[in-house]
Protein backbone atom coordinates (compact mmCIF):
# COMPACT_ATOMS: atom_id res chain seq x y z
CA MET A 1 -10.75 11.59 -28.88
CA LYS A 2 -14.33 10.53 -29.17
CA GLN A 3 -15.22 7.34 -27.41
CA ASP A 4 -16.22 5.61 -30.65
CA LYS A 5 -12.69 6.21 -32.01
CA VAL A 6 -10.94 4.75 -28.95
CA PRO A 7 -9.56 1.30 -29.65
CA GLN A 8 -10.91 -1.32 -27.29
CA SER A 9 -7.34 -2.45 -26.68
CA VAL A 10 -6.81 0.49 -24.26
CA SER A 11 -8.51 -1.62 -21.56
CA GLU A 12 -5.97 -4.37 -22.09
CA TYR A 13 -3.13 -2.07 -21.00
CA ILE A 14 -4.71 -0.96 -17.73
CA VAL A 15 -3.25 -3.36 -15.18
CA CYS A 16 -4.75 -1.69 -12.11
CA ARG A 17 -8.24 -0.33 -11.62
CA GLU A 18 -8.72 -0.19 -7.85
CA ASP A 19 -6.27 0.74 -5.05
CA CYS A 20 -3.64 1.90 -7.55
CA THR A 21 -0.57 3.95 -6.68
CA LEU A 22 -0.48 7.66 -7.34
CA GLN A 23 2.44 7.11 -9.72
CA PHE A 24 0.32 4.72 -11.79
CA LEU A 25 -2.44 7.33 -12.15
CA GLU A 26 0.13 10.00 -13.03
CA ALA A 27 1.55 7.68 -15.71
CA LEU A 28 -1.91 7.18 -17.23
CA ALA A 29 -2.34 10.94 -17.47
CA MET A 30 1.20 11.39 -18.83
CA ASN A 31 0.45 8.98 -21.65
CA GLY A 32 -2.71 10.85 -22.64
CA LEU A 33 -5.16 8.21 -21.39
CA ALA A 34 -6.95 10.41 -18.82
CA VAL A 35 -9.65 12.95 -19.61
CA ARG A 36 -10.66 13.97 -16.09
CA ALA A 37 -9.46 13.55 -12.51
CA TYR A 38 -11.17 14.31 -9.23
CA ILE A 39 -10.81 13.63 -5.51
CA GLU A 40 -13.03 11.50 -3.29
CA GLU A 41 -13.00 11.37 0.50
CA CYS A 42 -12.03 8.11 2.19
CA SER A 43 -13.50 6.70 5.38
CA ARG A 44 -10.37 7.55 7.41
CA LYS A 45 -10.06 11.15 8.53
CA ASN A 46 -7.64 13.27 6.43
CA PHE A 47 -7.39 10.58 3.75
CA GLN A 48 -8.55 10.93 0.13
CA ARG A 49 -8.21 9.14 -3.17
CA ILE A 50 -8.05 10.19 -6.81
CA VAL A 51 -10.42 8.95 -9.48
CA ILE A 52 -9.35 9.19 -13.12
CA GLU A 53 -11.74 8.87 -16.04
CA LEU A 54 -10.02 7.30 -19.03
CA ILE A 55 -10.52 8.04 -22.73
CA ASN A 56 -12.61 4.88 -23.07
CA GLY A 57 -14.97 5.88 -20.24
CA GLU A 58 -13.57 3.56 -17.58
CA LYS A 59 -12.51 4.79 -14.14
CA VAL A 60 -9.34 4.04 -12.20
CA TYR A 61 -9.12 4.58 -8.42
CA SER A 62 -6.07 5.24 -6.29
CA LYS A 63 -5.47 3.97 -2.78
CA CYS A 64 -6.35 6.29 0.07
CA TYR A 65 -3.48 8.67 0.89
CA PHE A 66 -2.96 11.69 3.12
CA ARG A 67 -4.54 14.89 1.76
CA GLU A 68 -1.12 16.46 1.16
CA GLU A 69 -0.01 13.58 -1.08
CA ILE A 70 -3.27 13.71 -3.00
CA ALA A 71 -3.00 17.47 -3.49
CA THR A 72 0.45 17.14 -5.06
CA SER A 73 -0.53 14.25 -7.30
CA ILE A 74 -3.78 15.83 -8.54
CA ARG A 75 -1.82 18.91 -9.63
CA ILE A 76 0.60 16.73 -11.60
CA ILE A 77 -2.23 14.76 -13.19
CA ASN A 78 -4.13 17.92 -14.16
CA VAL A 79 -1.00 19.38 -15.79
CA TYR A 80 -0.73 16.28 -17.99
CA ILE A 81 -4.45 16.34 -18.82
CA GLY A 82 -4.23 20.04 -19.70
CA TYR A 83 -1.20 19.45 -21.88
CA ALA A 84 -2.96 16.65 -23.76
CA ARG A 85 -5.97 18.93 -24.35
CA SER A 86 -3.87 21.87 -25.51
CA LYS A 87 -2.01 19.73 -28.04
CA ASN A 88 -5.13 17.87 -29.20
CA LEU A 89 -3.41 14.59 -28.48
CA ARG A 90 -6.71 12.71 -28.46
CA GLU A 91 -7.60 13.61 -32.03
């Protein structure tokens, strides 16, 4: 969906933007609100976090988790993002 077609009300439903749980980010992707996800390193060794870009351009950040937890969650999120793309759910 193009950003100009995204209702501004999407922002009203995002209850967490920083230090969110992995399940919250997975739910955003499951509901078709995520367009991209990537991993950032945290200050603690072997810890990372996921950043999700939403359909309205905003970003949502997870807490820092062990690399193994992040690896599992990013796979789940990318499956949902891929599914939304393949079904044109944003149009």
